Amino acid sequence: MLLAQTLFEIRLLLRNGEQLLLTAAIPVVLLWLLTAAPVFDTGDYERVDFLVPGILALCVMSTAFTSLAIATGYERRYGALKRLAASPLPRWTLLLAKALTVLVVEALQVVLVGGLGLALGWQPSGSPLAVVVLLVAGTLAFAGLGLLLAGTLRAEATLAAANLVYLLLLVLGGVVIPLSGFPSGVRTALELTPTGALADGLRSVLADGAGLPWGSVAVLAVWAVAGLAAAARWFRWE
């Protein structure tokens, strides 16, 4: 049942052009454009070395938060979740299938963004295991927030809120603009956002060659526990 539902979720995603644009095309185009055009000062980093970790963080946010929230919100509105909840399919199987679909899409995004980054001269360093830990922690953090949003708001409100958060964190989450350019108090607050923690953690590993950034992992873990717990408590299936 888990395999069948996961394949079904993947087919639904592949049929949705808007979701594919959000999750696959936009991060790749952003990386290419921002590497080619010196719009923002990347400080001591080479432009591509700064941008690739940030764009990978954007990929996780777009898939595990924005795309998941919007798709789940409309499934809830149209009664699909209610019907599935009444079927022999266990609820945990449905949620796990959605999580596996997110991981499949993220793996594709990592290949696309990483491949383009290498073609543009990106030279990654650090431990691949540390990168995997950060990506999984970030996925859990954003997925909890996305499910909380989809399970408590109307579909239209979820669509608006998810896209607004996406745009805000694209600019303020350390994805394309260094957080060092913000005032110290604002910078500290932005580093505690899921995007800020994930982008900063990935950059410390891939650009600086550091070990696992436990501070970033701790921030993401707090968001994951809080988001998933709140979603489990307040998620409405209809």
C-alpha atoms as a PDB file:
ATOM      1  CA  MET A   1       0.000   0.000   0.000  1.00  0.00           C
ATOM      2  CA  LEU A   2       2.842   2.368   0.827  1.00  0.00           C
ATOM      3  CA  LEU A   3       4.551   1.776  -2.525  1.00  0.00           C
ATOM      4  CA  ALA A   4       1.299   2.150  -4.453  1.00  0.00           C
ATOM      5  CA  GLN A   5       0.383   5.396  -2.684  1.00  0.00           C
ATOM      6  CA  THR A   6       3.900   6.800  -3.135  1.00  0.00           C
ATOM      7  CA  LEU A   7       3.841   6.086  -6.875  1.00  0.00           C
ATOM      8  CA  PHE A   8       0.381   7.655  -7.063  1.00  0.00           C
ATOM      9  CA  GLU A   9       1.618  10.805  -5.289  1.00  0.00           C
ATOM     10  CA  ILE A  10       4.586  11.031  -7.674  1.00  0.00           C
ATOM     11  CA  ARG A  11       2.298  10.682 -10.722  1.00  0.00           C
ATOM     12  CA  LEU A  12       0.071  13.448  -9.387  1.00  0.00           C
ATOM     13  CA  LEU A  13       3.079  15.709  -8.998  1.00  0.00           C
ATOM     14  CA  LEU A  14       4.346  14.965 -12.500  1.00  0.00           C
ATOM     15  CA  ARG A  15       0.946  15.929 -13.934  1.00  0.00           C
ATOM     16  CA  ASN A  16       0.996  19.273 -12.126  1.00  0.00           C
ATOM     17  CA  GLY A  17       2.991  21.694 -14.251  1.00  0.00           C
ATOM     18  CA  GLU A  18       2.806  24.523 -11.725  1.00  0.00           C
ATOM     19  CA  GLN A  19       4.271  22.384  -8.965  1.00  0.00           C
ATOM     20  CA  LEU A  20       7.063  21.163 -11.216  1.00  0.00           C
ATOM     21  CA  LEU A  21       7.849  24.759 -12.155  1.00  0.00           C
ATOM     22  CA  LEU A  22       8.088  25.715  -8.496  1.00  0.00           C
ATOM     23  CA  THR A  23      10.135  22.734  -7.392  1.00  0.00           C
ATOM     24  CA  ALA A  24      12.466  22.137 -10.344  1.00  0.00           C
ATOM     25  CA  ALA A  25      12.662  24.983 -12.837  1.00  0.00           C
ATOM     26  CA  ILE A  26      12.713  28.044 -10.562  1.00  0.00           C
ATOM     27  CA  PRO A  27      15.727  26.994  -8.412  1.00  0.00           C
ATOM     28  CA  VAL A  28      17.773  26.045 -11.485  1.00  0.00           C
ATOM     29  CA  VAL A  29      16.934  29.280 -13.318  1.00  0.00           C
ATOM     30  CA  LEU A  30      17.693  31.336 -10.201  1.00  0.00           C
ATOM     31  CA  LEU A  31      21.093  29.691  -9.802  1.00  0.00           C
ATOM     32  CA  TRP A  32      21.984  30.330 -13.433  1.00  0.00           C
ATOM     33  CA  LEU A  33      20.782  33.937 -13.488  1.00  0.00           C
ATOM     34  CA  LEU A  34      22.261  34.993 -10.139  1.00  0.00           C
ATOM     35  CA  THR A  35      25.595  33.375 -10.951  1.00  0.00           C
ATOM     36  CA  ALA A  36      25.747  35.154 -14.291  1.00  0.00           C
ATOM     37  CA  ALA A  37      24.519  38.532 -13.033  1.00  0.00           C
ATOM     38  CA  PRO A  38      26.278  40.079  -9.994  1.00  0.00           C
ATOM     39  CA  VAL A  39      23.084  41.414  -8.432  1.00  0.00           C
ATOM     40  CA  PHE A  40      24.084  40.775  -4.803  1.00  0.00           C
ATOM     41  CA  ASP A  41      27.433  40.971  -3.049  1.00  0.00           C
ATOM     42  CA  THR A  42      28.395  37.515  -1.754  1.00  0.00           C
ATOM     43  CA  GLY A  43      31.181  38.766   0.513  1.00  0.00           C
ATOM     44  CA  ASP A  44      34.225  36.504   0.807  1.00  0.00           C
ATOM     45  CA  TYR A  45      32.615  33.674  -1.149  1.00  0.00           C
ATOM     46  CA  GLU A  46      32.844  33.030  -4.844  1.00  0.00           C
ATOM     47  CA  ARG A  47      29.391  33.682  -6.266  1.00  0.00           C
ATOM     48  CA  VAL A  48      28.574  30.091  -7.246  1.00  0.00           C
ATOM     49  CA  ASP A  49      29.990  28.711  -3.959  1.00  0.00           C
ATOM     50  CA  PHE A  50      27.669  31.006  -2.033  1.00  0.00           C
ATOM     51  CA  LEU A  51      24.596  30.431  -4.188  1.00  0.00           C
ATOM     52  CA  VAL A  52      24.521  26.629  -4.547  1.00  0.00           C
ATOM     53  CA  PRO A  53      23.978  25.890  -0.807  1.00  0.00           C
ATOM     54  CA  GLY A  54      21.352  28.623  -0.636  1.00  0.00           C
ATOM     55  CA  ILE A  55      19.520  27.297  -3.694  1.00  0.00           C
ATOM     56  CA  LEU A  56      19.595  23.781  -2.196  1.00  0.00           C
ATOM     57  CA  ALA A  57      17.915  25.223   0.910  1.00  0.00           C
ATOM     58  CA  LEU A  58      15.368  26.886  -1.383  1.00  0.00           C
ATOM     59  CA  CYS A  59      14.702  23.511  -3.033  1.00  0.00           C
ATOM     60  CA  VAL A  60      13.879  21.942   0.325  1.00  0.00           C
ATOM     61  CA  MET A  61      11.586  24.824   1.228  1.00  0.00           C
ATOM     62  CA  SER A  62       9.792  24.822  -2.127  1.00  0.00           C
ATOM     63  CA  THR A  63       9.161  21.060  -2.029  1.00  0.00           C
ATOM     64  CA  ALA A  64       8.679  20.210   1.646  1.00  0.00           C
ATOM     65  CA  PHE A  65       6.792  23.392   2.542  1.00  0.00           C
ATOM     66  CA  THR A  66       5.260  25.343  -0.334  1.00  0.00           C
ATOM     67  CA  SER A  67       4.424  22.510  -2.717  1.00  0.00           C
ATOM     68  CA  LEU A  68       3.361  20.095   0.050  1.00  0.00           C
ATOM     69  CA  ALA A  69       1.180  22.699   1.768  1.00  0.00           C
ATOM     70  CA  ILE A  70      -0.625  23.771  -1.408  1.00  0.00           C
ATOM     71  CA  ALA A  71      -1.207  20.238  -2.714  1.00  0.00           C
ATOM     72  CA  THR A  72      -2.399  18.942   0.662  1.00  0.00           C
ATOM     73  CA  GLY A  73      -4.616  21.985   1.215  1.00  0.00           C
ATOM     74  CA  TYR A  74      -6.492  21.425  -2.037  1.00  0.00           C
ATOM     75  CA  GLU A  75      -6.751  17.679  -1.442  1.00  0.00           C
ATOM     76  CA  ARG A  76      -8.367  18.528   1.886  1.00  0.00           C
ATOM     77  CA  ARG A  77     -10.724  21.045   0.277  1.00  0.00           C
ATOM     78  CA  TYR A  78     -11.910  18.635  -2.414  1.00  0.00           C
ATOM     79  CA  GLY A  79     -12.502  15.859   0.119  1.00  0.00           C
ATOM     80  CA  ALA A  80      -9.736  13.588  -1.145  1.00  0.00           C
ATOM     81  CA  LEU A  81      -8.144  13.297   2.285  1.00  0.00           C
ATOM     82  CA  LYS A  82     -11.500  12.538   3.888  1.00  0.00           C
ATOM     83  CA  ARG A  83     -12.136   9.706   1.444  1.00  0.00           C
ATOM     84  CA  LEU A  84      -8.630   8.328   1.883  1.00  0.00           C
ATOM     85  CA  ALA A  85      -9.010   8.502   5.665  1.00  0.00           C
ATOM     86  CA  ALA A  86     -12.130   6.344   5.369  1.00  0.00           C
ATOM     87  CA  SER A  87     -10.373   3.785   3.138  1.00  0.00           C
ATOM     88  CA  PRO A  88      -8.300   0.775   4.305  1.00  0.00           C
ATOM     89  CA  LEU A  89      -5.205   2.921   3.764  1.00  0.00           C
ATOM     90  CA  PRO A  90      -3.806   3.830   7.217  1.00  0.00           C
ATOM     91  CA  ARG A  91      -3.304   7.526   7.793  1.00  0.00           C
ATOM     92  CA  TRP A  92       0.355   7.033   8.664  1.00  0.00           C
ATOM     93  CA  THR A  93       0.826   5.346   5.274  1.00  0.00           C
ATOM     94  CA  LEU A  94      -0.629   8.375   3.497  1.00  0.00           C
ATOM     95  CA  LEU A  95       1.609  10.798   5.379  1.00  0.00           C
ATOM     96  CA  LEU A  96       4.682   8.600   4.888  1.00  0.00           C
ATOM     97  CA  ALA A  97       3.923   8.341   1.161  1.00  0.00           C
ATOM     98  CA  LYS A  98       3.838  12.135   0.961  1.00  0.00           C
ATOM     99  CA  ALA A  99       7.137  12.307   2.829  1.00  0.00           C
ATOM    100  CA  LEU A 100       8.760   9.792   0.458  1.00  0.00           C
ATOM    101  CA  THR A 101       7.471  11.760  -2.530  1.00  0.00           C
ATOM    102  CA  VAL A 102       9.080  14.894  -1.112  1.00  0.00           C
ATOM    103  CA  LEU A 103      12.407  13.052  -0.727  1.00  0.00           C
ATOM    104  CA  VAL A 104      12.239  11.737  -4.312  1.00  0.00           C
ATOM    105  CA  VAL A 105      11.654  15.248  -5.666  1.00  0.00           C
ATOM    106  CA  GLU A 106      14.425  16.672  -3.486  1.00  0.00           C
ATOM    107  CA  ALA A 107      16.857  14.049  -4.769  1.00  0.00           C
ATOM    108  CA  LEU A 108      16.047  15.165  -8.320  1.00  0.00           C
ATOM    109  CA  GLN A 109      16.524  18.806  -7.312  1.00  0.00           C
ATOM    110  CA  VAL A 110      19.919  18.076  -5.741  1.00  0.00           C
ATOM    111  CA  VAL A 111      21.043  16.398  -8.972  1.00  0.00           C
ATOM    112  CA  LEU A 112      19.838  19.301 -11.137  1.00  0.00           C
ATOM    113  CA  VAL A 113      21.188  22.098  -8.932  1.00  0.00           C
ATOM    114  CA  GLY A 114      24.434  20.264  -8.134  1.00  0.00           C
ATOM    115  CA  GLY A 115      25.012  19.410 -11.787  1.00  0.00           C
ATOM    116  CA  LEU A 116      24.460  22.996 -12.905  1.00  0.00           C
ATOM    117  CA  GLY A 117      26.638  24.258 -10.055  1.00  0.00           C
ATOM    118  CA  LEU A 118      29.504  21.990 -11.107  1.00  0.00           C
ATOM    119  CA  ALA A 119      29.122  23.176 -14.699  1.00  0.00           C
ATOM    120  CA  LEU A 120      29.361  26.769 -13.453  1.00  0.00           C
ATOM    121  CA  GLY A 121      32.569  26.084 -11.526  1.00  0.00           C
ATOM    122  CA  TRP A 122      31.248  25.108  -8.093  1.00  0.00           C
ATOM    123  CA  GLN A 123      33.816  23.240  -5.982  1.00  0.00           C
ATOM    124  CA  PRO A 124      32.022  21.602  -3.018  1.00  0.00           C
ATOM    125  CA  SER A 125      33.856  20.497   0.100  1.00  0.00           C
ATOM    126  CA  GLY A 126      32.883  18.984   3.428  1.00  0.00           C
ATOM    127  CA  SER A 127      31.151  15.745   4.359  1.00  0.00           C
ATOM    128  CA  PRO A 128      28.298  14.413   2.175  1.00  0.00           C
ATOM    129  CA  LEU A 129      26.858  12.816   5.321  1.00  0.00           C
ATOM    130  CA  ALA A 130      26.615  16.227   7.000  1.00  0.00           C
ATOM    131  CA  VAL A 131      24.779  17.539   3.933  1.00  0.00           C
ATOM    132  CA  VAL A 132      22.323  14.630   4.070  1.00  0.00           C
ATOM    133  CA  VAL A 133      21.658  15.226   7.786  1.00  0.00           C
ATOM    134  CA  LEU A 134      20.953  18.910   7.128  1.00  0.00           C
ATOM    135  CA  LEU A 135      18.669  18.184   4.175  1.00  0.00           C
ATOM    136  CA  VAL A 136      16.663  15.594   6.135  1.00  0.00           C
ATOM    137  CA  ALA A 137      16.382  17.886   9.162  1.00  0.00           C
ATOM    138  CA  GLY A 138      15.304  20.741   6.915  1.00  0.00           C
ATOM    139  CA  THR A 139      12.752  18.531   5.180  1.00  0.00           C
ATOM    140  CA  LEU A 140      11.189  17.517   8.490  1.00  0.00           C
ATOM    141  CA  ALA A 141      11.080  21.122   9.676  1.00  0.00           C
ATOM    142  CA  PHE A 142       9.423  22.447   6.532  1.00  0.00           C
ATOM    143  CA  ALA A 143       7.093  19.458   6.139  1.00  0.00           C
ATOM    144  CA  GLY A 144       5.718  19.943   9.643  1.00  0.00           C
ATOM    145  CA  LEU A 145       5.038  23.610   8.941  1.00  0.00           C
ATOM    146  CA  GLY A 146       3.526  22.837   5.545  1.00  0.00           C
ATOM    147  CA  LEU A 147       1.154  20.211   6.946  1.00  0.00           C
ATOM    148  CA  LEU A 148       0.194  22.541   9.786  1.00  0.00           C
ATOM    149  CA  LEU A 149      -0.684  25.247   7.276  1.00  0.00           C
ATOM    150  CA  ALA A 150      -2.615  22.892   4.991  1.00  0.00           C
ATOM    151  CA  GLY A 151      -4.500  21.273   7.849  1.00  0.00           C
ATOM    152  CA  THR A 152      -5.718  24.426   9.544  1.00  0.00           C
ATOM    153  CA  LEU A 153      -6.393  27.017   6.810  1.00  0.00           C
ATOM    154  CA  ARG A 154      -8.664  27.046   3.792  1.00  0.00           C
ATOM    155  CA  ALA A 155      -7.025  26.018   0.515  1.00  0.00           C
ATOM    156  CA  GLU A 156      -7.021  29.583  -0.854  1.00  0.00           C
ATOM    157  CA  ALA A 157      -5.491  30.929   2.345  1.00  0.00           C
ATOM    158  CA  THR A 158      -2.889  28.143   2.293  1.00  0.00           C
ATOM    159  CA  LEU A 159      -1.985  29.026  -1.303  1.00  0.00           C
ATOM    160  CA  ALA A 160      -1.527  32.704  -0.450  1.00  0.00           C
ATOM    161  CA  ALA A 161       0.321  32.116   2.821  1.00  0.00           C
ATOM    162  CA  ALA A 162       2.664  29.456   1.403  1.00  0.00           C
ATOM    163  CA  ASN A 163       3.665  31.623  -1.562  1.00  0.00           C
ATOM    164  CA  LEU A 164       4.116  34.694   0.654  1.00  0.00           C
ATOM    165  CA  VAL A 165       6.381  32.802   3.053  1.00  0.00           C
ATOM    166  CA  TYR A 166       8.304  31.410   0.065  1.00  0.00           C
ATOM    167  CA  LEU A 167       8.988  34.886  -1.307  1.00  0.00           C
ATOM    168  CA  LEU A 168       9.885  36.371   2.074  1.00  0.00           C
ATOM    169  CA  LEU A 169      12.334  33.608   2.967  1.00  0.00           C
ATOM    170  CA  LEU A 170      13.813  33.665  -0.541  1.00  0.00           C
ATOM    171  CA  VAL A 171      14.915  37.238   0.178  1.00  0.00           C
ATOM    172  CA  LEU A 172      15.399  37.137   3.953  1.00  0.00           C
ATOM    173  CA  GLY A 173      16.477  33.541   4.563  1.00  0.00           C
ATOM    174  CA  GLY A 174      20.095  33.735   3.465  1.00  0.00           C
ATOM    175  CA  VAL A 175      19.365  32.060   0.133  1.00  0.00           C
ATOM    176  CA  VAL A 176      20.609  34.754  -2.250  1.00  0.00           C
ATOM    177  CA  ILE A 177      21.532  37.614   0.116  1.00  0.00           C
ATOM    178  CA  PRO A 178      24.144  37.073   2.869  1.00  0.00           C
ATOM    179  CA  LEU A 179      22.673  37.446   6.340  1.00  0.00           C
ATOM    180  CA  SER A 180      25.810  39.365   7.286  1.00  0.00           C
ATOM    181  CA  GLY A 181      24.349  42.320   5.412  1.00  0.00           C
ATOM    182  CA  PHE A 182      21.505  42.715   7.916  1.00  0.00           C
ATOM    183  CA  PRO A 183      21.726  44.501  11.294  1.00  0.00           C
ATOM    184  CA  SER A 184      22.904  42.204  14.094  1.00  0.00           C
ATOM    185  CA  GLY A 185      19.526  41.857  15.795  1.00  0.00           C
ATOM    186  CA  VAL A 186      17.732  41.122  12.539  1.00  0.00           C
ATOM    187  CA  ARG A 187      20.485  38.731  11.493  1.00  0.00           C
ATOM    188  CA  THR A 188      20.134  36.720  14.704  1.00  0.00           C
ATOM    189  CA  ALA A 189      16.384  36.397  14.167  1.00  0.00           C
ATOM    190  CA  LEU A 190      16.817  35.344  10.525  1.00  0.00           C
ATOM    191  CA  GLU A 191      19.404  32.714  11.481  1.00  0.00           C
ATOM    192  CA  LEU A 192      16.725  31.098  13.640  1.00  0.00           C
ATOM    193  CA  THR A 193      14.343  30.633  10.710  1.00  0.00           C
ATOM    194  CA  PRO A 194      14.359  27.207   9.044  1.00  0.00           C
ATOM    195  CA  THR A 195      15.667  28.657   5.786  1.00  0.00           C
ATOM    196  CA  GLY A 196      18.352  30.697   7.517  1.00  0.00           C
ATOM    197  CA  ALA A 197      19.548  27.729   9.563  1.00  0.00           C
ATOM    198  CA  LEU A 198      19.521  25.360   6.577  1.00  0.00           C
ATOM    199  CA  ALA A 199      21.237  27.747   4.150  1.00  0.00           C
ATOM    200  CA  ASP A 200      23.856  28.728   6.729  1.00  0.00           C
ATOM    201  CA  GLY A 201      24.487  25.107   7.688  1.00  0.00           C
ATOM    202  CA  LEU A 202      24.831  23.917   4.099  1.00  0.00           C
ATOM    203  CA  ARG A 203      27.127  26.823   3.298  1.00  0.00           C
ATOM    204  CA  SER A 204      29.387  26.085   6.271  1.00  0.00           C
ATOM    205  CA  VAL A 205      29.779  22.491   5.078  1.00  0.00           C
ATOM    206  CA  LEU A 206      29.888  22.882   1.293  1.00  0.00           C
ATOM    207  CA  ALA A 207      31.731  26.213   1.059  1.00  0.00           C
ATOM    208  CA  ASP A 208      33.804  26.294   4.253  1.00  0.00           C
ATOM    209  CA  GLY A 209      34.497  22.562   4.594  1.00  0.00           C
ATOM    210  CA  ALA A 210      33.307  22.527   8.202  1.00  0.00           C
ATOM    211  CA  GLY A 211      31.923  19.504  10.031  1.00  0.00           C
ATOM    212  CA  LEU A 212      28.293  19.005  10.930  1.00  0.00           C
ATOM    213  CA  PRO A 213      26.961  22.390  12.151  1.00  0.00           C
ATOM    214  CA  TRP A 214      25.176  21.311  15.303  1.00  0.00           C
ATOM    215  CA  GLY A 215      23.708  24.765  15.881  1.00  0.00           C
ATOM    216  CA  SER A 216      21.880  24.688  12.549  1.00  0.00           C
ATOM    217  CA  VAL A 217      20.761  21.094  13.134  1.00  0.00           C
ATOM    218  CA  ALA A 218      19.411  22.056  16.571  1.00  0.00           C
ATOM    219  CA  VAL A 219      17.414  24.962  15.130  1.00  0.00           C
ATOM    220  CA  LEU A 220      15.940  22.718  12.418  1.00  0.00           C
ATOM    221  CA  ALA A 221      15.175  19.996  14.964  1.00  0.00           C
ATOM    222  CA  VAL A 222      13.229  22.449  17.135  1.00  0.00           C
ATOM    223  CA  TRP A 223      11.200  23.601  14.121  1.00  0.00           C
ATOM    224  CA  ALA A 224      10.601  19.976  13.077  1.00  0.00           C
ATOM    225  CA  VAL A 225       9.375  18.859  16.500  1.00  0.00           C
ATOM    226  CA  ALA A 226       7.206  21.942  16.966  1.00  0.00           C
ATOM    227  CA  GLY A 227       5.757  21.841  13.449  1.00  0.00           C
ATOM    228  CA  LEU A 228       5.025  18.122  13.350  1.00  0.00           C
ATOM    229  CA  ALA A 229       3.561  18.148  16.866  1.00  0.00           C
ATOM    230  CA  ALA A 230       1.313  21.100  16.012  1.00  0.00           C
ATOM    231  CA  ALA A 231       0.245  19.462  12.737  1.00  0.00           C
ATOM    232  CA  ALA A 232      -0.596  16.222  14.552  1.00  0.00           C
ATOM    233  CA  ARG A 233      -2.606  18.174  17.110  1.00  0.00           C
ATOM    234  CA  TRP A 234      -4.562  20.566  14.880  1.00  0.00           C
ATOM    235  CA  PHE A 235      -4.607  18.996  11.411  1.00  0.00           C
ATOM    236  CA  ARG A 236      -8.186  18.649  10.161  1.00  0.00           C
ATOM    237  CA  TRP A 237      -8.868  16.022   7.517  1.00  0.00           C
ATOM    238  CA  GLU A 238     -11.925  17.821   6.144  1.00  0.00           C
END
